[in-house]
């Protein structure tokens, strides 16, 4: 595999884009060598779902699209970023707040930390932001011959 692989796709900020983003990343990771039914793949599926959902729901119509970036460096580090053009950064809600939604970032932070990764947010030149997760790469074990 190459030292660095990178792909991106831009999707409409529409609820139908959430499963499309999840499928896109999962298919890509399998192509790059991650076992589809592994715990790391399950974590990535949920993280991508939450990131895409946030890009659709919390941009309040101010970001007509979002971009999903997936990078793999030297078979060691997986980076996934979701960029939207809304200026508001993700908010961490206090644990005592009683709401039916708004827990996506808590889920993302927990899953990322549990997998030995990290989460950070960077500004874009157009005033939006990219939410990045970085995880150790876990490839599928080589088949036994």
N, C-alpha and C. Protein backbone atom coordinates (compact mmCIF):
# COMPACT_ATOMS: atom_id res chain seq x y z
N UNK A 1 0.85 -1.18 0.00
CA UNK A 1 0.00 0.00 0.00
C UNK A 1 0.88 1.23 0.00
N UNK A 2 0.42 2.31 -0.57
CA UNK A 2 1.17 3.56 -0.65
C UNK A 2 1.38 4.15 0.75
N UNK A 3 2.41 5.01 0.86
CA UNK A 3 2.69 5.66 2.14
C UNK A 3 1.55 6.55 2.60
N UNK A 4 0.84 7.14 1.64
CA UNK A 4 -0.25 8.05 1.99
C UNK A 4 -1.38 7.88 0.97
N UNK A 5 -2.55 7.68 1.49
CA UNK A 5 -3.74 7.62 0.64
C UNK A 5 -4.73 8.64 1.17
N UNK A 6 -5.40 9.29 0.25
CA UNK A 6 -6.34 10.33 0.65
C UNK A 6 -7.46 10.42 -0.37
N UNK A 7 -8.68 10.47 0.12
CA UNK A 7 -9.85 10.67 -0.74
C UNK A 7 -10.81 11.62 -0.04
N UNK A 8 -11.63 12.27 -0.84
CA UNK A 8 -12.67 13.11 -0.25
C UNK A 8 -13.90 13.06 -1.15
N UNK A 9 -15.01 13.32 -0.54
CA UNK A 9 -16.27 13.37 -1.26
C UNK A 9 -17.11 14.48 -0.63
N UNK A 10 -17.81 15.22 -1.46
CA UNK A 10 -18.69 16.28 -0.99
C UNK A 10 -20.13 15.82 -1.21
N UNK A 11 -20.91 15.95 -0.15
CA UNK A 11 -22.29 15.49 -0.16
C UNK A 11 -23.23 16.62 0.22
N UNK A 12 -24.49 16.56 -0.22
CA UNK A 12 -25.45 17.58 0.19
C UNK A 12 -25.78 17.45 1.68
N UNK A 13 -26.05 18.57 2.31
CA UNK A 13 -26.45 18.56 3.73
C UNK A 13 -27.90 18.12 3.82
N UNK A 14 -28.08 16.83 3.65
CA UNK A 14 -29.40 16.22 3.62
C UNK A 14 -29.31 14.93 4.45
N UNK A 15 -30.37 14.57 5.17
CA UNK A 15 -30.31 13.35 5.97
C UNK A 15 -29.91 12.09 5.18
N UNK A 16 -30.25 12.02 3.90
CA UNK A 16 -29.88 10.85 3.09
C UNK A 16 -28.36 10.74 2.91
N UNK A 17 -27.64 11.81 3.15
CA UNK A 17 -26.19 11.78 3.02
C UNK A 17 -25.50 11.08 4.18
N UNK A 18 -26.17 10.94 5.30
CA UNK A 18 -25.55 10.29 6.46
C UNK A 18 -25.24 8.82 6.15
N UNK A 19 -26.22 8.00 5.72
CA UNK A 19 -25.87 6.62 5.39
C UNK A 19 -24.92 6.53 4.19
N UNK A 20 -25.03 7.48 3.26
CA UNK A 20 -24.13 7.48 2.10
C UNK A 20 -22.69 7.71 2.55
N UNK A 21 -22.47 8.63 3.48
CA UNK A 21 -21.13 8.90 4.01
C UNK A 21 -20.59 7.68 4.74
N UNK A 22 -21.44 7.07 5.55
CA UNK A 22 -21.04 5.88 6.31
C UNK A 22 -20.63 4.75 5.36
N UNK A 23 -21.45 4.49 4.35
CA UNK A 23 -21.14 3.44 3.37
C UNK A 23 -19.84 3.73 2.62
N UNK A 24 -19.69 4.97 2.22
CA UNK A 24 -18.50 5.38 1.48
C UNK A 24 -17.23 5.07 2.29
N UNK A 25 -17.22 5.49 3.55
CA UNK A 25 -16.03 5.28 4.39
C UNK A 25 -15.83 3.79 4.66
N UNK A 26 -16.87 3.08 4.96
CA UNK A 26 -16.72 1.64 5.26
C UNK A 26 -16.19 0.88 4.06
N UNK A 27 -16.73 1.14 2.88
CA UNK A 27 -16.23 0.47 1.67
C UNK A 27 -14.77 0.81 1.43
N UNK A 28 -14.41 2.06 1.65
CA UNK A 28 -13.03 2.49 1.45
C UNK A 28 -12.08 1.80 2.42
N UNK A 29 -12.47 1.71 3.68
CA UNK A 29 -11.60 1.10 4.69
C UNK A 29 -11.40 -0.39 4.42
N UNK A 30 -12.44 -1.06 3.96
CA UNK A 30 -12.31 -2.47 3.58
C UNK A 30 -11.34 -2.59 2.41
N UNK A 31 -11.49 -1.70 1.44
CA UNK A 31 -10.58 -1.70 0.28
C UNK A 31 -9.13 -1.48 0.74
N UNK A 32 -8.94 -0.67 1.77
CA UNK A 32 -7.59 -0.38 2.27
C UNK A 32 -7.08 -1.45 3.23
N UNK A 33 -7.94 -2.41 3.61
CA UNK A 33 -7.46 -3.54 4.39
C UNK A 33 -8.01 -3.69 5.79
N UNK A 34 -9.02 -2.91 6.18
CA UNK A 34 -9.62 -3.07 7.50
C UNK A 34 -10.73 -4.12 7.41
N UNK A 35 -10.79 -5.00 8.40
CA UNK A 35 -11.84 -6.01 8.43
C UNK A 35 -13.20 -5.34 8.65
N UNK A 36 -14.14 -5.65 7.78
CA UNK A 36 -15.46 -5.01 7.82
C UNK A 36 -16.22 -5.28 9.12
N UNK A 37 -16.03 -6.44 9.69
CA UNK A 37 -16.77 -6.81 10.89
C UNK A 37 -15.95 -6.65 12.17
N UNK A 38 -14.94 -5.80 12.15
CA UNK A 38 -14.08 -5.60 13.31
C UNK A 38 -14.60 -4.49 14.22
N UNK A 39 -14.13 -4.48 15.45
CA UNK A 39 -14.50 -3.42 16.38
C UNK A 39 -14.06 -2.05 15.89
N UNK A 40 -12.82 -1.91 15.33
CA UNK A 40 -12.45 -0.59 14.80
C UNK A 40 -13.39 -0.13 13.68
N UNK A 41 -13.81 -1.03 12.81
CA UNK A 41 -14.73 -0.66 11.74
C UNK A 41 -16.08 -0.22 12.31
N UNK A 42 -16.54 -0.91 13.35
CA UNK A 42 -17.80 -0.52 14.00
C UNK A 42 -17.69 0.89 14.59
N UNK A 43 -16.56 1.17 15.25
CA UNK A 43 -16.36 2.49 15.84
C UNK A 43 -16.33 3.56 14.76
N UNK A 44 -15.62 3.32 13.67
CA UNK A 44 -15.55 4.29 12.58
C UNK A 44 -16.94 4.52 11.98
N UNK A 45 -17.72 3.46 11.81
CA UNK A 45 -19.08 3.60 11.27
C UNK A 45 -19.90 4.56 12.13
N UNK A 46 -19.84 4.38 13.44
CA UNK A 46 -20.63 5.23 14.33
C UNK A 46 -20.08 6.66 14.36
N UNK A 47 -18.77 6.81 14.37
CA UNK A 47 -18.16 8.14 14.37
C UNK A 47 -18.55 8.90 13.11
N UNK A 48 -18.43 8.26 11.95
CA UNK A 48 -18.78 8.93 10.69
C UNK A 48 -20.27 9.28 10.67
N UNK A 49 -21.11 8.39 11.17
CA UNK A 49 -22.54 8.70 11.24
C UNK A 49 -22.81 9.94 12.07
N UNK A 50 -22.16 10.02 13.23
CA UNK A 50 -22.37 11.17 14.11
C UNK A 50 -21.81 12.46 13.51
N UNK A 51 -20.61 12.39 12.90
CA UNK A 51 -20.02 13.58 12.28
C UNK A 51 -20.90 14.08 11.13
N UNK A 52 -21.36 13.17 10.29
CA UNK A 52 -22.21 13.55 9.16
C UNK A 52 -23.55 14.09 9.65
N UNK A 53 -24.12 13.46 10.66
CA UNK A 53 -25.38 13.94 11.22
C UNK A 53 -25.22 15.37 11.75
N UNK A 54 -24.11 15.61 12.46
CA UNK A 54 -23.87 16.97 12.96
C UNK A 54 -23.78 17.97 11.81
N UNK A 55 -23.09 17.59 10.74
CA UNK A 55 -22.94 18.49 9.60
C UNK A 55 -24.28 18.78 8.93
N UNK A 56 -25.20 17.84 8.99
CA UNK A 56 -26.52 18.03 8.39
C UNK A 56 -27.46 18.80 9.32
N UNK A 57 -27.52 18.39 10.58
CA UNK A 57 -28.52 18.94 11.49
C UNK A 57 -28.14 20.26 12.14
N UNK A 58 -26.88 20.42 12.48
CA UNK A 58 -26.49 21.57 13.31
C UNK A 58 -25.93 22.75 12.53
N UNK A 59 -25.97 22.69 11.22
CA UNK A 59 -25.52 23.85 10.43
C UNK A 59 -26.70 24.75 10.08
N UNK A 60 -27.87 24.36 10.47
CA UNK A 60 -29.07 25.18 10.35
C UNK A 60 -29.28 25.74 8.94
N UNK A 61 -29.01 24.91 7.94
CA UNK A 61 -29.22 25.31 6.56
C UNK A 61 -28.17 26.26 6.01
N UNK A 62 -27.17 26.61 6.82
CA UNK A 62 -26.15 27.56 6.38
C UNK A 62 -24.98 26.88 5.66
N UNK A 63 -24.98 25.57 5.60
CA UNK A 63 -23.94 24.85 4.88
C UNK A 63 -24.65 23.88 3.94
N UNK A 64 -24.79 24.20 2.66
CA UNK A 64 -25.56 23.35 1.75
C UNK A 64 -24.89 22.00 1.47
N UNK A 65 -23.59 21.90 1.75
CA UNK A 65 -22.87 20.64 1.56
C UNK A 65 -21.92 20.43 2.72
N UNK A 66 -21.40 19.22 2.82
CA UNK A 66 -20.28 18.94 3.72
C UNK A 66 -19.32 18.03 2.97
N UNK A 67 -18.06 18.10 3.36
CA UNK A 67 -17.03 17.30 2.71
C UNK A 67 -16.45 16.32 3.71
N UNK A 68 -16.33 15.10 3.27
CA UNK A 68 -15.76 14.02 4.07
C UNK A 68 -14.38 13.71 3.51
N UNK A 69 -13.35 13.85 4.34
CA UNK A 69 -11.97 13.54 3.96
C UNK A 69 -11.52 12.32 4.74
N UNK A 70 -10.87 11.39 4.04
CA UNK A 70 -10.33 10.18 4.67
C UNK A 70 -8.88 10.05 4.24
N UNK A 71 -7.99 9.93 5.21
CA UNK A 71 -6.56 9.84 4.93
C UNK A 71 -5.96 8.67 5.71
N UNK A 72 -5.04 7.97 5.06
CA UNK A 72 -4.31 6.88 5.71
C UNK A 72 -2.83 7.14 5.47
N UNK A 73 -2.09 7.29 6.55
CA UNK A 73 -0.66 7.56 6.47
C UNK A 73 0.15 6.34 6.89
N UNK A 74 0.96 5.85 5.97
CA UNK A 74 1.92 4.77 6.22
C UNK A 74 1.32 3.58 6.98
N UNK A 75 0.09 3.24 6.69
CA UNK A 75 -0.56 2.12 7.37
C UNK A 75 -0.49 2.23 8.89
N UNK A 76 -0.41 3.46 9.41
CA UNK A 76 -0.30 3.66 10.85
C UNK A 76 -1.41 4.52 11.43
N UNK A 77 -1.85 5.51 10.67
CA UNK A 77 -2.76 6.49 11.22
C UNK A 77 -3.89 6.78 10.23
N UNK A 78 -5.11 6.68 10.72
CA UNK A 78 -6.30 7.00 9.94
C UNK A 78 -6.83 8.34 10.42
N UNK A 79 -7.08 9.24 9.46
CA UNK A 79 -7.67 10.55 9.78
C UNK A 79 -8.96 10.69 8.98
N UNK A 80 -10.01 11.11 9.68
CA UNK A 80 -11.28 11.36 9.03
C UNK A 80 -11.74 12.75 9.45
N UNK A 81 -12.08 13.56 8.47
CA UNK A 81 -12.55 14.91 8.75
C UNK A 81 -13.86 15.19 8.04
N UNK A 82 -14.71 15.93 8.72
CA UNK A 82 -15.96 16.39 8.10
C UNK A 82 -15.95 17.92 8.17
N UNK A 83 -16.04 18.53 6.99
CA UNK A 83 -15.97 19.99 6.87
C UNK A 83 -17.32 20.54 6.44
N UNK A 84 -17.76 21.59 7.13
CA UNK A 84 -18.94 22.32 6.69
C UNK A 84 -18.62 23.80 6.75
N UNK A 85 -19.47 24.62 6.17
CA UNK A 85 -19.20 26.06 6.10
C UNK A 85 -19.90 26.87 7.18
N UNK A 86 -20.52 26.21 8.14
CA UNK A 86 -21.18 26.93 9.23
C UNK A 86 -20.13 27.40 10.24
N UNK A 87 -20.22 28.65 10.71
CA UNK A 87 -19.18 29.17 11.61
C UNK A 87 -19.21 28.64 13.03
N UNK A 88 -20.33 28.09 13.46
CA UNK A 88 -20.42 27.63 14.85
C UNK A 88 -19.68 26.31 15.03
N UNK A 89 -18.84 26.25 16.04
CA UNK A 89 -18.09 25.03 16.34
C UNK A 89 -18.93 24.13 17.24
N UNK A 90 -18.62 22.83 17.24
CA UNK A 90 -19.38 21.91 18.09
C UNK A 90 -19.35 22.35 19.56
N UNK A 91 -20.47 22.17 20.21
CA UNK A 91 -20.59 22.55 21.62
C UNK A 91 -20.69 21.31 22.48
N UNK A 92 -20.00 21.31 23.58
CA UNK A 92 -20.12 20.23 24.55
C UNK A 92 -21.22 20.60 25.53
N UNK A 93 -22.26 19.78 25.59
CA UNK A 93 -23.36 20.05 26.50
C UNK A 93 -23.02 19.55 27.90
N UNK A 94 -23.48 20.28 28.93
CA UNK A 94 -23.29 19.78 30.29
C UNK A 94 -24.04 18.46 30.47
N UNK A 95 -23.51 17.59 31.31
CA UNK A 95 -24.11 16.27 31.52
C UNK A 95 -25.53 16.38 32.05
N UNK A 96 -25.85 17.43 32.77
CA UNK A 96 -27.17 17.56 33.38
C UNK A 96 -28.25 18.02 32.40
N UNK A 97 -27.87 18.48 31.23
CA UNK A 97 -28.87 18.97 30.27
C UNK A 97 -29.71 17.79 29.78
N UNK A 98 -31.02 17.94 29.90
CA UNK A 98 -31.94 16.89 29.48
C UNK A 98 -32.47 17.21 28.09
N UNK A 99 -31.92 16.55 27.08
CA UNK A 99 -32.37 16.74 25.71
C UNK A 99 -32.42 15.39 25.02
N UNK A 100 -33.24 15.33 23.98
CA UNK A 100 -33.33 14.10 23.19
C UNK A 100 -32.16 13.96 22.23
N UNK A 101 -31.48 15.05 21.93
CA UNK A 101 -30.34 14.99 21.01
C UNK A 101 -29.21 15.84 21.58
N UNK A 102 -28.14 15.99 20.80
CA UNK A 102 -27.04 16.83 21.25
C UNK A 102 -25.91 16.06 21.91
N UNK A 103 -25.96 14.74 21.82
CA UNK A 103 -24.92 13.91 22.45
C UNK A 103 -23.92 13.37 21.44
N UNK A 104 -24.00 13.79 20.18
CA UNK A 104 -23.12 13.26 19.15
C UNK A 104 -21.66 13.47 19.44
N UNK A 105 -21.27 14.68 19.89
CA UNK A 105 -19.86 14.94 20.17
C UNK A 105 -19.37 14.13 21.36
N UNK A 106 -20.23 13.89 22.32
CA UNK A 106 -19.83 13.04 23.46
C UNK A 106 -19.53 11.63 22.96
N UNK A 107 -20.39 11.11 22.10
CA UNK A 107 -20.19 9.78 21.53
C UNK A 107 -18.90 9.74 20.72
N UNK A 108 -18.69 10.74 19.87
CA UNK A 108 -17.49 10.79 19.04
C UNK A 108 -16.24 10.85 19.91
N UNK A 109 -16.23 11.73 20.90
CA UNK A 109 -15.06 11.85 21.79
C UNK A 109 -14.78 10.53 22.51
N UNK A 110 -15.82 9.90 23.01
CA UNK A 110 -15.64 8.65 23.76
C UNK A 110 -15.09 7.55 22.86
N UNK A 111 -15.70 7.34 21.71
CA UNK A 111 -15.25 6.29 20.80
C UNK A 111 -13.82 6.55 20.30
N UNK A 112 -13.53 7.80 20.01
CA UNK A 112 -12.19 8.15 19.54
C UNK A 112 -11.15 7.87 20.62
N UNK A 113 -11.43 8.31 21.84
CA UNK A 113 -10.49 8.09 22.95
C UNK A 113 -10.35 6.60 23.25
N UNK A 114 -11.45 5.88 23.23
CA UNK A 114 -11.43 4.44 23.50
C UNK A 114 -10.56 3.69 22.49
N UNK A 115 -10.51 4.19 21.26
CA UNK A 115 -9.71 3.55 20.21
C UNK A 115 -8.27 4.05 20.20
N UNK A 116 -7.91 4.91 21.17
CA UNK A 116 -6.55 5.41 21.23
C UNK A 116 -6.29 6.59 20.32
N UNK A 117 -7.36 7.28 19.93
CA UNK A 117 -7.22 8.40 19.01
C UNK A 117 -7.46 9.74 19.66
N UNK A 118 -7.60 10.74 18.81
CA UNK A 118 -7.88 12.08 19.31
C UNK A 118 -8.82 12.80 18.35
N UNK A 119 -9.44 13.83 18.87
CA UNK A 119 -10.38 14.65 18.11
C UNK A 119 -9.92 16.10 18.20
N UNK A 120 -9.99 16.80 17.10
CA UNK A 120 -9.73 18.24 17.14
C UNK A 120 -10.53 18.92 16.02
N UNK A 121 -10.70 20.22 16.19
CA UNK A 121 -11.46 21.02 15.24
C UNK A 121 -10.54 22.10 14.69
N UNK A 122 -10.56 22.29 13.39
CA UNK A 122 -9.75 23.34 12.76
C UNK A 122 -10.65 24.26 11.95
N UNK A 123 -10.30 25.55 11.89
CA UNK A 123 -11.09 26.48 11.08
C UNK A 123 -10.76 26.31 9.60
N UNK A 124 -11.71 26.67 8.75
CA UNK A 124 -11.47 26.70 7.31
C UNK A 124 -11.32 28.15 6.87
N UNK A 125 -10.77 28.35 5.69
CA UNK A 125 -10.55 29.72 5.21
C UNK A 125 -11.86 30.46 4.95
N UNK A 126 -12.95 29.72 4.70
CA UNK A 126 -14.23 30.38 4.42
C UNK A 126 -15.07 30.61 5.67
N UNK A 127 -14.50 30.39 6.85
CA UNK A 127 -15.23 30.65 8.09
C UNK A 127 -15.93 29.44 8.67
N UNK A 128 -15.83 28.29 8.04
CA UNK A 128 -16.42 27.06 8.59
C UNK A 128 -15.42 26.34 9.47
N UNK A 129 -15.58 25.03 9.56
CA UNK A 129 -14.67 24.24 10.38
C UNK A 129 -14.62 22.81 9.87
N UNK A 130 -13.55 22.12 10.26
CA UNK A 130 -13.42 20.69 10.02
C UNK A 130 -13.27 20.01 11.37
N UNK A 131 -14.09 19.01 11.61
CA UNK A 131 -13.96 18.18 12.81
C UNK A 131 -13.17 16.95 12.38
N UNK A 132 -11.99 16.77 12.98
CA UNK A 132 -11.08 15.67 12.64
C UNK A 132 -11.02 14.65 13.75
N UNK A 133 -10.98 13.39 13.36
CA UNK A 133 -10.62 12.34 14.31
C UNK A 133 -9.39 11.65 13.72
N UNK A 134 -8.49 11.29 14.60
CA UNK A 134 -7.28 10.56 14.21
C UNK A 134 -7.24 9.30 15.05
N UNK A 135 -7.11 8.16 14.37
CA UNK A 135 -7.12 6.86 15.03
C UNK A 135 -5.92 6.04 14.58
N UNK A 136 -5.43 5.16 15.45
CA UNK A 136 -4.41 4.22 14.98
C UNK A 136 -5.04 3.31 13.92
N UNK A 137 -4.30 2.99 12.88
CA UNK A 137 -4.80 2.12 11.81
C UNK A 137 -4.75 0.67 12.27
N UNK A 138 -5.84 -0.03 12.07
CA UNK A 138 -5.93 -1.45 12.42
C UNK A 138 -6.35 -2.21 11.16
N UNK A 139 -5.38 -2.83 10.51
CA UNK A 139 -5.68 -3.61 9.30
C UNK A 139 -6.15 -5.00 9.69
N UNK A 140 -6.83 -5.64 8.77
CA UNK A 140 -7.27 -7.02 8.99
C UNK A 140 -6.05 -7.92 9.08
N UNK A 141 -6.12 -8.96 9.92
CA UNK A 141 -4.99 -9.89 9.97
C UNK A 141 -4.81 -10.60 8.64
N UNK A 142 -3.58 -10.91 8.33
CA UNK A 142 -3.28 -11.62 7.09
C UNK A 142 -3.87 -13.02 7.16
N UNK A 143 -4.41 -13.53 6.06
CA UNK A 143 -5.00 -14.89 6.06
C UNK A 143 -3.91 -15.93 6.31
N UNK A 144 -4.28 -16.95 7.05
CA UNK A 144 -3.37 -18.06 7.34
C UNK A 144 -3.40 -19.02 6.17
N UNK A 145 -2.23 -19.39 5.70
CA UNK A 145 -2.17 -20.31 4.56
C UNK A 145 -1.82 -21.70 5.00
